[in-house]
PDB file of all heavy atoms in Angstrom:
ATOM      1  N   PRO A   1     181.205  16.463 100.126  1.00  0.00           N
ATOM      2  CA  PRO A   1     180.864  15.348  99.233  1.00  0.00           C
ATOM      3  C   PRO A   1     179.707  15.617  98.279  1.00  0.00           C
ATOM      4  O   PRO A   1     179.665  15.069  97.190  1.00  0.00           O
ATOM      5  CB  PRO A   1     180.523  14.207 100.198  1.00  0.00           C
ATOM      6  CG  PRO A   1     181.335  14.496 101.394  1.00  0.00           C
ATOM      7  CD  PRO A   1     181.328  15.995 101.511  1.00  0.00           C
ATOM      8  N   GLY A   2     178.790  16.482  98.614  1.00  0.00           N
ATOM      9  CA  GLY A   2     177.676  16.752  97.708  1.00  0.00           C
ATOM     10  C   GLY A   2     177.732  18.113  97.067  1.00  0.00           C
ATOM     11  O   GLY A   2     176.749  18.566  96.478  1.00  0.00           O
ATOM     12  N   LEU A   3     178.871  18.786  97.147  1.00  0.00           N
ATOM     13  CA  LEU A   3     178.929  20.188  96.742  1.00  0.00           C
ATOM     14  C   LEU A   3     178.799  20.397  95.241  1.00  0.00           C
ATOM     15  O   LEU A   3     177.895  21.079  94.779  1.00  0.00           O
ATOM     16  CB  LEU A   3     180.233  20.815  97.253  1.00  0.00           C
ATOM     17  CG  LEU A   3     180.375  22.314  97.048  1.00  0.00           C
ATOM     18  CD1 LEU A   3     179.264  23.049  97.783  1.00  0.00           C
ATOM     19  CD2 LEU A   3     181.709  22.779  97.549  1.00  0.00           C
ATOM     20  N   LEU A   4     179.661  19.817  94.461  1.00  0.00           N
ATOM     21  CA  LEU A   4     179.665  20.082  93.021  1.00  0.00           C
ATOM     22  C   LEU A   4     179.321  18.844  92.215  1.00  0.00           C
ATOM     23  O   LEU A   4     179.817  18.658  91.117  1.00  0.00           O
ATOM     24  CB  LEU A   4     181.042  20.601  92.607  1.00  0.00           C
ATOM     25  CG  LEU A   4     181.459  21.925  93.229  1.00  0.00           C
ATOM     26  CD1 LEU A   4     182.894  22.236  92.872  1.00  0.00           C
ATOM     27  CD2 LEU A   4     180.546  23.039  92.801  1.00  0.00           C
ATOM     28  N   THR A   5     178.466  17.996  92.742  1.00  0.00           N
ATOM     29  CA  THR A   5     178.229  16.726  92.072  1.00  0.00           C
ATOM     30  C   THR A   5     176.804  16.571  91.552  1.00  0.00           C
ATOM     31  O   THR A   5     176.367  15.473  91.336  1.00  0.00           O
ATOM     32  CB  THR A   5     178.533  15.565  93.034  1.00  0.00           C
ATOM     33  OG1 THR A   5     177.707  15.703  94.193  1.00  0.00           O
ATOM     34  CG2 THR A   5     179.980  15.559  93.437  1.00  0.00           C
ATOM     35  N   ASN A   6     176.099  17.655  91.351  1.00  0.00           N
ATOM     36  CA  ASN A   6     174.730  17.527  90.916  1.00  0.00           C
ATOM     37  C   ASN A   6     174.597  17.997  89.469  1.00  0.00           C
ATOM     38  O   ASN A   6     174.493  19.192  89.196  1.00  0.00           O
ATOM     39  CB  ASN A   6     173.800  18.327  91.832  1.00  0.00           C
ATOM     40  CG  ASN A   6     172.389  17.852  91.742  1.00  0.00           C
ATOM     41  OD1 ASN A   6     171.988  17.272  90.735  1.00  0.00           O
ATOM     42  ND2 ASN A   6     171.628  18.083  92.777  1.00  0.00           N
ATOM     43  N   ALA A   7     174.594  17.059  88.558  1.00  0.00           N
ATOM     44  CA  ALA A   7     174.493  17.376  87.134  1.00  0.00           C
ATOM     45  C   ALA A   7     173.119  17.926  86.774  1.00  0.00           C
ATOM     46  O   ALA A   7     172.987  18.692  85.817  1.00  0.00           O
ATOM     47  CB  ALA A   7     174.792  16.132  86.315  1.00  0.00           C
ATOM     48  N   PHE A   8     172.099  17.581  87.544  1.00  0.00           N
ATOM     49  CA  PHE A   8     170.758  18.097  87.285  1.00  0.00           C
ATOM     50  C   PHE A   8     170.728  19.617  87.395  1.00  0.00           C
ATOM     51  O   PHE A   8     170.072  20.297  86.600  1.00  0.00           O
ATOM     52  CB  PHE A   8     169.767  17.458  88.261  1.00  0.00           C
ATOM     53  CG  PHE A   8     168.371  17.970  88.134  1.00  0.00           C
ATOM     54  CD1 PHE A   8     167.629  17.717  86.995  1.00  0.00           C
ATOM     55  CD2 PHE A   8     167.795  18.718  89.145  1.00  0.00           C
ATOM     56  CE1 PHE A   8     166.337  18.195  86.868  1.00  0.00           C
ATOM     57  CE2 PHE A   8     166.501  19.192  89.033  1.00  0.00           C
ATOM     58  CZ  PHE A   8     165.782  18.937  87.890  1.00  0.00           C
ATOM     59  N   PHE A   9     171.467  20.176  88.359  1.00  0.00           N
ATOM     60  CA  PHE A   9     171.525  21.625  88.512  1.00  0.00           C
ATOM     61  C   PHE A   9     172.187  22.277  87.302  1.00  0.00           C
ATOM     62  O   PHE A   9     171.788  23.358  86.877  1.00  0.00           O
ATOM     63  CB  PHE A   9     172.283  22.004  89.780  1.00  0.00           C
ATOM     64  CG  PHE A   9     171.550  21.697  91.058  1.00  0.00           C
ATOM     65  CD1 PHE A   9     172.173  21.901  92.269  1.00  0.00           C
ATOM     66  CD2 PHE A   9     170.257  21.223  91.060  1.00  0.00           C
ATOM     67  CE1 PHE A   9     171.521  21.639  93.453  1.00  0.00           C
ATOM     68  CE2 PHE A   9     169.593  20.943  92.232  1.00  0.00           C
ATOM     69  CZ  PHE A   9     170.226  21.152  93.436  1.00  0.00           C
ATOM     70  N   ILE A  10     173.188  21.622  86.737  1.00  0.00           N
ATOM     71  CA  ILE A  10     173.860  22.156  85.558  1.00  0.00           C
ATOM     72  C   ILE A  10     172.881  22.203  84.384  1.00  0.00           C
ATOM     73  O   ILE A  10     172.831  23.190  83.644  1.00  0.00           O
ATOM     74  CB  ILE A  10     175.100  21.311  85.212  1.00  0.00           C
ATOM     75  CG1 ILE A  10     176.144  21.442  86.320  1.00  0.00           C
ATOM     76  CG2 ILE A  10     175.686  21.712  83.865  1.00  0.00           C
ATOM     77  CD1 ILE A  10     177.284  20.467  86.207  1.00  0.00           C
ATOM     78  N   ILE A  11     172.095  21.161  84.222  1.00  0.00           N
ATOM     79  CA  ILE A  11     171.113  21.130  83.132  1.00  0.00           C
ATOM     80  C   ILE A  11     170.043  22.199  83.337  1.00  0.00           C
ATOM     81  O   ILE A  11     169.644  22.883  82.390  1.00  0.00           O
ATOM     82  CB  ILE A  11     170.500  19.725  83.010  1.00  0.00           C
ATOM     83  CG1 ILE A  11     171.555  18.731  82.547  1.00  0.00           C
ATOM     84  CG2 ILE A  11     169.312  19.723  82.058  1.00  0.00           C
ATOM     85  CD1 ILE A  11     171.120  17.284  82.589  1.00  0.00           C
ATOM     86  N   LEU A  12     169.568  22.367  84.583  1.00  0.00           N
ATOM     87  CA  LEU A  12     168.572  23.412  84.861  1.00  0.00           C
ATOM     88  C   LEU A  12     169.114  24.795  84.531  1.00  0.00           C
ATOM     89  O   LEU A  12     168.436  25.610  83.905  1.00  0.00           O
ATOM     90  CB  LEU A  12     168.163  23.369  86.335  1.00  0.00           C
ATOM     91  CG  LEU A  12     167.085  22.396  86.748  1.00  0.00           C
ATOM     92  CD1 LEU A  12     166.851  22.486  88.243  1.00  0.00           C
ATOM     93  CD2 LEU A  12     165.803  22.644  86.008  1.00  0.00           C
ATOM     94  N   MET A  13     170.346  25.070  84.972  1.00  0.00           N
ATOM     95  CA  MET A  13     170.925  26.385  84.747  1.00  0.00           C
ATOM     96  C   MET A  13     171.176  26.629  83.255  1.00  0.00           C
ATOM     97  O   MET A  13     170.897  27.720  82.741  1.00  0.00           O
ATOM     98  CB  MET A  13     172.213  26.531  85.542  1.00  0.00           C
ATOM     99  CG  MET A  13     172.724  27.945  85.594  1.00  0.00           C
ATOM    100  SD  MET A  13     173.874  28.162  86.927  1.00  0.00           S
ATOM    101  CE  MET A  13     172.862  29.063  88.070  1.00  0.00           C
ATOM    102  N   LYS A  14     171.661  25.627  82.552  1.00  0.00           N
ATOM    103  CA  LYS A  14     171.906  25.762  81.115  1.00  0.00           C
ATOM    104  C   LYS A  14     170.593  26.057  80.383  1.00  0.00           C
ATOM    105  O   LYS A  14     170.531  26.955  79.530  1.00  0.00           O
ATOM    106  CB  LYS A  14     172.538  24.481  80.572  1.00  0.00           C
ATOM    107  CG  LYS A  14     172.748  24.459  79.080  1.00  0.00           C
ATOM    108  CD  LYS A  14     173.224  23.076  78.649  1.00  0.00           C
ATOM    109  CE  LYS A  14     173.279  22.910  77.172  1.00  0.00           C
ATOM    110  NZ  LYS A  14     172.002  22.903  76.504  1.00  0.00           N
ATOM    111  N   THR A  15     169.561  25.335  80.714  1.00  0.00           N
ATOM    112  CA  THR A  15     168.259  25.542  80.074  1.00  0.00           C
ATOM    113  C   THR A  15     167.710  26.933  80.382  1.00  0.00           C
ATOM    114  O   THR A  15     167.163  27.602  79.507  1.00  0.00           O
ATOM    115  CB  THR A  15     167.265  24.463  80.541  1.00  0.00           C
ATOM    116  OG1 THR A  15     167.828  23.187  80.288  1.00  0.00           O
ATOM    117  CG2 THR A  15     165.945  24.591  79.827  1.00  0.00           C
ATOM    118  N   TYR A  16     167.873  27.373  81.628  1.00  0.00           N
ATOM    119  CA  TYR A  16     167.384  28.699  81.997  1.00  0.00           C
ATOM    120  C   TYR A  16     168.110  29.777  81.200  1.00  0.00           C
ATOM    121  O   TYR A  16     167.484  30.688  80.672  1.00  0.00           O
ATOM    122  CB  TYR A  16     167.562  28.941  83.494  1.00  0.00           C
ATOM    123  CG  TYR A  16     167.066  30.301  83.922  1.00  0.00           C
ATOM    124  CD1 TYR A  16     165.723  30.507  84.201  1.00  0.00           C
ATOM    125  CD2 TYR A  16     167.929  31.381  84.006  1.00  0.00           C
ATOM    126  CE1 TYR A  16     165.262  31.757  84.564  1.00  0.00           C
ATOM    127  CE2 TYR A  16     167.479  32.628  84.376  1.00  0.00           C
ATOM    128  CZ  TYR A  16     166.145  32.811  84.656  1.00  0.00           C
ATOM    129  OH  TYR A  16     165.684  34.050  85.011  1.00  0.00           O
ATOM    130  N   PHE A  17     169.446  29.688  81.124  1.00  0.00           N
ATOM    131  CA  PHE A  17     170.205  30.708  80.409  1.00  0.00           C
ATOM    132  C   PHE A  17     169.886  30.711  78.923  1.00  0.00           C
ATOM    133  O   PHE A  17     169.815  31.777  78.303  1.00  0.00           O
ATOM    134  CB  PHE A  17     171.710  30.514  80.613  1.00  0.00           C
ATOM    135  CG  PHE A  17     172.203  30.996  81.948  1.00  0.00           C
ATOM    136  CD1 PHE A  17     173.036  30.210  82.710  1.00  0.00           C
ATOM    137  CD2 PHE A  17     171.826  32.225  82.442  1.00  0.00           C
ATOM    138  CE1 PHE A  17     173.489  30.655  83.936  1.00  0.00           C
ATOM    139  CE2 PHE A  17     172.276  32.678  83.662  1.00  0.00           C
ATOM    140  CZ  PHE A  17     173.112  31.897  84.415  1.00  0.00           C
ATOM    141  N   GLU A  18     169.673  29.551  78.338  1.00  0.00           N
ATOM    142  CA  GLU A  18     169.361  29.491  76.908  1.00  0.00           C
ATOM    143  C   GLU A  18     167.984  30.054  76.598  1.00  0.00           C
ATOM    144  O   GLU A  18     167.783  30.681  75.555  1.00  0.00           O
ATOM    145  CB  GLU A  18     169.447  28.052  76.407  1.00  0.00           C
ATOM    146  CG  GLU A  18     170.854  27.548  76.248  1.00  0.00           C
ATOM    147  CD  GLU A  18     170.892  26.095  75.799  1.00  0.00           C
ATOM    148  OE1 GLU A  18     169.836  25.426  75.791  1.00  0.00           O
ATOM    149  OE2 GLU A  18     171.992  25.618  75.469  1.00  0.00           O
ATOM    150  N   ASN A  19     167.017  29.833  77.495  1.00  0.00           N
ATOM    151  CA  ASN A  19     165.634  30.210  77.191  1.00  0.00           C
ATOM    152  C   ASN A  19     165.216  31.563  77.756  1.00  0.00           C
ATOM    153  O   ASN A  19     164.261  32.154  77.255  1.00  0.00           O
ATOM    154  CB  ASN A  19     164.676  29.141  77.717  1.00  0.00           C
ATOM    155  CG  ASN A  19     164.852  27.837  76.992  1.00  0.00           C
ATOM    156  OD1 ASN A  19     165.264  27.811  75.842  1.00  0.00           O
ATOM    157  ND2 ASN A  19     164.553  26.743  77.669  1.00  0.00           N
ATOM    158  N   SER A  20     165.884  32.070  78.787  1.00  0.00           N
ATOM    159  CA  SER A  20     165.389  33.267  79.463  1.00  0.00           C
ATOM    160  C   SER A  20     166.251  34.500  79.271  1.00  0.00           C
ATOM    161  O   SER A  20     165.774  35.605  79.479  1.00  0.00           O
ATOM    162  CB  SER A  20     165.250  32.993  80.960  1.00  0.00           C
ATOM    163  OG  SER A  20     164.296  31.977  81.169  1.00  0.00           O
ATOM    164  N   ILE A  21     167.497  34.341  78.936  1.00  0.00           N
ATOM    165  CA  ILE A  21     168.360  35.499  78.760  1.00  0.00           C
ATOM    166  C   ILE A  21     168.608  35.676  77.261  1.00  0.00           C
ATOM    167  O   ILE A  21     169.245  34.826  76.627  1.00  0.00           O
ATOM    168  CB  ILE A  21     169.679  35.339  79.537  1.00  0.00           C
ATOM    169  CG1 ILE A  21     169.354  35.223  81.024  1.00  0.00           C
ATOM    170  CG2 ILE A  21     170.618  36.501  79.251  1.00  0.00           C
ATOM    171  CD1 ILE A  21     170.526  35.035  81.913  1.00  0.00           C
ATOM    172  N   PRO A  22     168.083  36.745  76.697  1.00  0.00           N
ATOM    173  CA  PRO A  22     168.213  36.927  75.243  1.00  0.00           C
ATOM    174  C   PRO A  22     169.659  37.215  74.835  1.00  0.00           C
ATOM    175  O   PRO A  22     170.351  38.023  75.466  1.00  0.00           O
ATOM    176  CB  PRO A  22     167.309  38.119  74.943  1.00  0.00           C
ATOM    177  CG  PRO A  22     167.063  38.778  76.239  1.00  0.00           C
ATOM    178  CD  PRO A  22     167.302  37.788  77.323  1.00  0.00           C
ATOM    179  N   THR A  23     170.092  36.565  73.796  1.00  0.00           N
ATOM    180  CA  THR A  23     171.450  36.786  73.296  1.00  0.00           C
ATOM    181  C   THR A  23     171.598  38.186  72.710  1.00  0.00           C
ATOM    182  O   THR A  23     172.695  38.740  72.707  1.00  0.00           O
ATOM    183  CB  THR A  23     171.826  35.735  72.236  1.00  0.00           C
ATOM    184  OG1 THR A  23     170.861  35.755  71.193  1.00  0.00           O
ATOM    185  CG2 THR A  23     171.898  34.355  72.850  1.00  0.00           C
ATOM    186  N   SER A  24     170.495  38.767  72.242  1.00  0.00           N
ATOM    187  CA  SER A  24     170.554  40.125  71.691  1.00  0.00           C
ATOM    188  C   SER A  24     170.943  41.135  72.769  1.00  0.00           C
ATOM    189  O   SER A  24     171.615  42.128  72.482  1.00  0.00           O
ATOM    190  CB  SER A  24     169.217  40.505  71.061  1.00  0.00           C
ATOM    191  OG  SER A  24     168.185  40.441  72.032  1.00  0.00           O
ATOM    192  N   LEU A  25     170.559  40.885  74.004  1.00  0.00           N
ATOM    193  CA  LEU A  25     170.926  41.773  75.105  1.00  0.00           C
ATOM    194  C   LEU A  25     172.430  41.713  75.368  1.00  0.00           C
ATOM    195  O   LEU A  25     173.084  42.742  75.569  1.00  0.00           O
ATOM    196  CB  LEU A  25     170.143  41.366  76.362  1.00  0.00           C
ATOM    197  CG  LEU A  25     170.198  42.282  77.558  1.00  0.00           C
ATOM    198  CD1 LEU A  25     169.629  43.645  77.209  1.00  0.00           C
ATOM    199  CD2 LEU A  25     169.429  41.668  78.702  1.00  0.00           C
ATOM    200  N   ILE A  26     172.989  40.526  75.314  1.00  0.00           N
ATOM    201  CA  ILE A  26     174.430  40.353  75.514  1.00  0.00           C
ATOM    202  C   ILE A  26     175.197  40.957  74.333  1.00  0.00           C
ATOM    203  O   ILE A  26     176.218  41.637  74.522  1.00  0.00           O
ATOM    204  CB  ILE A  26     174.765  38.867  75.709  1.00  0.00           C
ATOM    205  CG1 ILE A  26     174.112  38.368  77.006  1.00  0.00           C
ATOM    206  CG2 ILE A  26     176.260  38.628  75.728  1.00  0.00           C
ATOM    207  CD1 ILE A  26     174.163  36.883  77.210  1.00  0.00           C
ATOM    208  N   GLU A  27     174.694  40.751  73.123  1.00  0.00           N
ATOM    209  CA  GLU A  27     175.349  41.327  71.951  1.00  0.00           C
ATOM    210  C   GLU A  27     175.306  42.848  71.981  1.00  0.00           C
ATOM    211  O   GLU A  27     176.281  43.509  71.614  1.00  0.00           O
ATOM    212  CB  GLU A  27     174.682  40.806  70.679  1.00  0.00           C
ATOM    213  CG  GLU A  27     174.946  39.347  70.408  1.00  0.00           C
ATOM    214  CD  GLU A  27     174.088  38.788  69.288  1.00  0.00           C
ATOM    215  OE1 GLU A  27     173.236  39.530  68.748  1.00  0.00           O
ATOM    216  OE2 GLU A  27     174.264  37.608  68.957  1.00  0.00           O
ATOM    217  N   ALA A  28     174.212  43.419  72.448  1.00  0.00           N
ATOM    218  CA  ALA A  28     174.103  44.879  72.549  1.00  0.00           C
ATOM    219  C   ALA A  28     175.105  45.420  73.556  1.00  0.00           C
ATOM    220  O   ALA A  28     175.720  46.479  73.333  1.00  0.00           O
ATOM    221  CB  ALA A  28     172.689  45.271  72.940  1.00  0.00           C
ATOM    222  N   ALA A  29     175.291  44.715  74.645  1.00  0.00           N
ATOM    223  CA  ALA A  29     176.276  45.140  75.644  1.00  0.00           C
ATOM    224  C   ALA A  29     177.693  45.050  75.084  1.00  0.00           C
ATOM    225  O   ALA A  29     178.533  45.912  75.356  1.00  0.00           O
ATOM    226  CB  ALA A  29     176.143  44.289  76.903  1.00  0.00           C
ATOM    227  N   GLN A  30     177.967  44.020  74.271  1.00  0.00           N
ATOM    228  CA  GLN A  30     179.293  43.897  73.659  1.00  0.00           C
ATOM    229  C   GLN A  30     179.540  45.023  72.659  1.00  0.00           C
ATOM    230  O   GLN A  30     180.646  45.571  72.587  1.00  0.00           O
ATOM    231  CB  GLN A  30     179.429  42.538  72.970  1.00  0.00           C
ATOM    232  CG  GLN A  30     179.567  41.388  73.929  1.00  0.00           C
ATOM    233  CD  GLN A  30     179.522  40.032  73.238  1.00  0.00           C
ATOM    234  OE1 GLN A  30     179.015  39.911  72.126  1.00  0.00           O
ATOM    235  NE2 GLN A  30     180.049  39.020  73.912  1.00  0.00           N
ATOM    236  N   ILE A  31     178.518  45.378  71.915  1.00  0.00           N
ATOM    237  CA  ILE A  31     178.649  46.479  70.952  1.00  0.00           C
ATOM    238  C   ILE A  31     178.902  47.794  71.693  1.00  0.00           C
ATOM    239  O   ILE A  31     179.671  48.644  71.242  1.00  0.00           O
ATOM    240  CB  ILE A  31     177.392  46.575  70.054  1.00  0.00           C
ATOM    241  CG1 ILE A  31     177.344  45.375  69.120  1.00  0.00           C
ATOM    242  CG2 ILE A  31     177.361  47.883  69.285  1.00  0.00           C
ATOM    243  CD1 ILE A  31     176.068  45.257  68.334  1.00  0.00           C
TER     244      ILE A  31
END
C-alpha cells in the first residue's frame, strides 16, 4: 500500500537529477 505512492520522493529525485548530474556528461557519452 505505501510502495509507489510517495510523490515527494519523485520531486526529490527529479530535482537531484536536474541539479547534480550535468547534461554535458550525458551528451558526451552519447557522442
